[in-house]
C-alpha atoms as a PDB file:
ATOM      1  CA  MET A   1     -88.251 -30.310 -16.557  1.00  0.00           C
ATOM      2  CA  LYS A   2     -88.812 -26.884 -18.037  1.00  0.00           C
ATOM      3  CA  LYS A   3     -85.357 -26.713 -19.618  1.00  0.00           C
ATOM      4  CA  LEU A   4     -85.817 -29.666 -21.402  1.00  0.00           C
ATOM      5  CA  SER A   5     -89.671 -28.000 -22.765  1.00  0.00           C
ATOM      6  CA  LYS A   6     -87.766 -24.529 -23.451  1.00  0.00           C
ATOM      7  CA  ILE A   7     -85.222 -26.675 -25.272  1.00  0.00           C
ATOM      8  CA  ALA A   8     -87.916 -28.951 -27.358  1.00  0.00           C
ATOM      9  CA  ILE A   9     -89.309 -26.047 -28.570  1.00  0.00           C
ATOM     10  CA  ALA A  10     -86.543 -24.297 -29.775  1.00  0.00           C
ATOM     11  CA  ALA A  11     -85.811 -27.626 -31.842  1.00  0.00           C
ATOM     12  CA  LEU A  12     -89.765 -27.667 -32.836  1.00  0.00           C
ATOM     13  CA  TYR A  13     -89.373 -24.202 -33.886  1.00  0.00           C
ATOM     14  CA  VAL A  14     -85.804 -24.314 -35.598  1.00  0.00           C
ATOM     15  CA  ALA A  15     -87.233 -27.512 -37.524  1.00  0.00           C
ATOM     16  CA  GLY A  16     -89.998 -25.334 -38.873  1.00  0.00           C
ATOM     17  CA  ILE A  17     -88.178 -22.729 -39.837  1.00  0.00           C
ATOM     18  CA  GLY A  18     -86.221 -24.926 -41.643  1.00  0.00           C
ATOM     19  CA  ALA A  19     -89.101 -26.639 -43.712  1.00  0.00           C
ATOM     20  CA  ALA A  20     -90.935 -23.278 -44.299  1.00  0.00           C
ATOM     21  CA  SER A  21     -87.844 -22.258 -46.360  1.00  0.00           C
ATOM     22  CA  SER A  22     -88.048 -25.945 -48.741  1.00  0.00           C
ATOM     23  CA  ALA A  23     -91.036 -24.886 -49.233  1.00  0.00           C
ATOM     24  CA  MET A  24     -90.514 -21.482 -50.420  1.00  0.00           C
ATOM     25  CA  ALA A  25     -87.768 -22.734 -52.992  1.00  0.00           C
ATOM     26  CA  LEU A  26     -86.728 -20.845 -55.346  1.00  0.00           C
ATOM     27  CA  ASP A  27     -87.851 -22.757 -59.366  1.00  0.00           C
ATOM     28  CA  GLY A  28     -84.270 -22.394 -61.210  1.00  0.00           C
ATOM     29  CA  LYS A  29     -86.359 -23.602 -63.931  1.00  0.00           C
ATOM     30  CA  ALA A  30     -88.874 -20.645 -63.969  1.00  0.00           C
ATOM     31  CA  LEU A  31     -85.966 -18.175 -63.226  1.00  0.00           C
ATOM     32  CA  PHE A  32     -84.524 -19.743 -66.602  1.00  0.00           C
ATOM     33  CA  LEU A  33     -86.965 -18.951 -68.468  1.00  0.00           C
ATOM     34  CA  ASP A  34     -88.281 -15.762 -67.031  1.00  0.00           C
ATOM     35  CA  ALA A  35     -87.417 -12.705 -69.436  1.00  0.00           C
ATOM     36  CA  THR A  36     -87.645 -10.480 -66.507  1.00  0.00           C
ATOM     37  CA  LYS A  37     -84.714 -12.089 -64.494  1.00  0.00           C
ATOM     38  CA  GLY A  38     -82.362 -11.869 -67.778  1.00  0.00           C
ATOM     39  CA  GLY A  39     -84.157 -14.312 -70.508  1.00  0.00           C
ATOM     40  CA  CYS A  40     -81.680 -17.037 -70.161  1.00  0.00           C
ATOM     41  CA  SER A  41     -83.355 -19.195 -72.689  1.00  0.00           C
ATOM     42  CA  ALA A  42     -83.724 -17.034 -75.338  1.00  0.00           C
ATOM     43  CA  CYS A  43     -79.715 -17.554 -76.103  1.00  0.00           C
ATOM     44  CA  HIS A  44     -79.428 -20.832 -73.907  1.00  0.00           C
ATOM     45  CA  GLY A  45     -82.762 -22.199 -75.683  1.00  0.00           C
ATOM     46  CA  LYS A  46     -85.021 -23.422 -72.701  1.00  0.00           C
ATOM     47  CA  ASP A  47     -83.784 -26.254 -71.949  1.00  0.00           C
ATOM     48  CA  GLY A  48     -80.526 -25.374 -71.497  1.00  0.00           C
ATOM     49  CA  LYS A  49     -78.986 -27.425 -74.211  1.00  0.00           C
ATOM     50  CA  THR A  50     -79.835 -25.925 -77.721  1.00  0.00           C
ATOM     51  CA  PRO A  51     -78.349 -22.543 -77.684  1.00  0.00           C
ATOM     52  CA  ILE A  52     -79.286 -20.145 -80.438  1.00  0.00           C
ATOM     53  CA  MET A  53     -75.508 -20.076 -81.468  1.00  0.00           C
ATOM     54  CA  PRO A  54     -73.081 -22.636 -82.163  1.00  0.00           C
ATOM     55  CA  THR A  55     -70.855 -20.238 -79.744  1.00  0.00           C
ATOM     56  CA  TYR A  56     -73.122 -20.115 -77.213  1.00  0.00           C
ATOM     57  CA  PRO A  57     -72.618 -22.978 -74.419  1.00  0.00           C
ATOM     58  CA  LYS A  58     -74.860 -25.289 -73.796  1.00  0.00           C
ATOM     59  CA  LEU A  59     -75.206 -25.104 -69.674  1.00  0.00           C
ATOM     60  CA  ALA A  60     -77.635 -27.988 -68.680  1.00  0.00           C
ATOM     61  CA  GLY A  61     -75.963 -30.715 -67.280  1.00  0.00           C
ATOM     62  CA  ASN A  62     -72.626 -28.853 -66.109  1.00  0.00           C
ATOM     63  CA  ASN A  63     -71.641 -28.360 -62.451  1.00  0.00           C
ATOM     64  CA  ALA A  64     -74.105 -26.362 -60.439  1.00  0.00           C
ATOM     65  CA  GLU A  65     -71.138 -24.517 -58.586  1.00  0.00           C
ATOM     66  CA  TYR A  66     -68.774 -23.939 -61.806  1.00  0.00           C
ATOM     67  CA  LEU A  67     -72.040 -22.568 -63.778  1.00  0.00           C
ATOM     68  CA  TYR A  68     -72.377 -19.955 -60.583  1.00  0.00           C
ATOM     69  CA  ASN A  69     -69.146 -19.001 -61.038  1.00  0.00           C
ATOM     70  CA  GLN A  70     -68.853 -18.209 -64.462  1.00  0.00           C
ATOM     71  CA  ILE A  71     -72.028 -16.507 -63.531  1.00  0.00           C
ATOM     72  CA  LYS A  72     -70.383 -14.356 -60.770  1.00  0.00           C
ATOM     73  CA  ASP A  73     -67.290 -14.209 -62.917  1.00  0.00           C
ATOM     74  CA  ILE A  74     -68.489 -12.356 -65.805  1.00  0.00           C
ATOM     75  CA  GLN A  75     -70.926 -10.164 -63.114  1.00  0.00           C
ATOM     76  CA  SER A  76     -67.592  -9.050 -61.936  1.00  0.00           C
ATOM     77  CA  GLY A  77     -65.477  -8.448 -65.147  1.00  0.00           C
ATOM     78  CA  LYS A  78     -63.004 -11.274 -63.673  1.00  0.00           C
ATOM     79  CA  ARG A  79     -64.176 -13.496 -67.220  1.00  0.00           C
ATOM     80  CA  ASN A  80     -63.894 -11.054 -69.812  1.00  0.00           C
ATOM     81  CA  ASN A  81     -63.568 -13.221 -73.307  1.00  0.00           C
ATOM     82  CA  GLY A  82     -65.520 -14.909 -75.906  1.00  0.00           C
ATOM     83  CA  MET A  83     -69.505 -13.312 -75.348  1.00  0.00           C
ATOM     84  CA  THR A  84     -69.120 -12.577 -72.222  1.00  0.00           C
ATOM     85  CA  ALA A  85     -70.370  -8.828 -73.308  1.00  0.00           C
ATOM     86  CA  ALA A  86     -73.607  -9.768 -73.592  1.00  0.00           C
ATOM     87  CA  MET A  87     -73.903 -11.632 -70.501  1.00  0.00           C
ATOM     88  CA  LYS A  88     -72.152  -8.916 -68.530  1.00  0.00           C
ATOM     89  CA  GLY A  89     -75.312  -6.863 -69.340  1.00  0.00           C
ATOM     90  CA  ILE A  90     -77.525  -8.956 -67.704  1.00  0.00           C
ATOM     91  CA  THR A  91     -76.407 -10.559 -64.839  1.00  0.00           C
ATOM     92  CA  HIS A  92     -77.670  -8.252 -62.687  1.00  0.00           C
ATOM     93  CA  MET A  93     -81.186  -8.543 -62.909  1.00  0.00           C
ATOM     94  CA  THR A  94     -80.567 -12.213 -60.810  1.00  0.00           C
ATOM     95  CA  THR A  95     -79.625 -12.178 -56.829  1.00  0.00           C
ATOM     96  CA  ASP A  96     -77.287 -14.522 -55.869  1.00  0.00           C
ATOM     97  CA  GLU A  97     -79.798 -16.597 -54.855  1.00  0.00           C
ATOM     98  CA  GLU A  98     -81.660 -16.793 -57.492  1.00  0.00           C
ATOM     99  CA  LYS A  99     -78.319 -17.559 -59.931  1.00  0.00           C
ATOM    100  CA  LYS A 100     -77.833 -20.789 -57.638  1.00  0.00           C
ATOM    101  CA  ALA A 101     -81.299 -21.619 -58.336  1.00  0.00           C
ATOM    102  CA  ILE A 102     -80.691 -21.430 -62.195  1.00  0.00           C
ATOM    103  CA  THR A 103     -77.132 -23.059 -61.533  1.00  0.00           C
ATOM    104  CA  GLU A 104     -78.853 -26.356 -59.363  1.00  0.00           C
ATOM    105  CA  TRP A 105     -81.424 -26.411 -61.645  1.00  0.00           C
ATOM    106  CA  LEU A 106     -79.292 -26.858 -64.759  1.00  0.00           C
ATOM    107  CA  SER A 107     -77.018 -29.197 -63.365  1.00  0.00           C
ATOM    108  CA  THR A 108     -80.281 -31.731 -62.929  1.00  0.00           C
ATOM    109  CA  GLN A 109     -81.080 -31.310 -67.029  1.00  0.00           C
END
C-alpha cells in the first residue's frame, strides 16, 4: 500500500511541474514586439505580415519549425544570403526557448 501511495505522490508531483511550466510559458507575441529581444516587429511588422521593406519576408503563417530553423541557420552562418547580415547581428538576443515561442506565435497568425 505504501508503494502505491509513493507512486501516486510522484505522479501528482510530475503533473504539478507540467502545470507550472505551462503557466509560465513564454509569450511569443510579447517577445516578437520586445525591442530588447531583437525587435522583430521593427522590420517584419507588428503582425509579422507587413515588413518595412518588400525584400524582408512575411513571417506570419509560416511553419514554426521552418522559421526556427531559419533563425538558427542565420545565427550559425549556415544561411548567409540576402538580408541575413542584418539578422545575424540580432539572433543572439534571444534564447532558443524564446526563439521557439516567437516562431510558435508567428505560425498561428
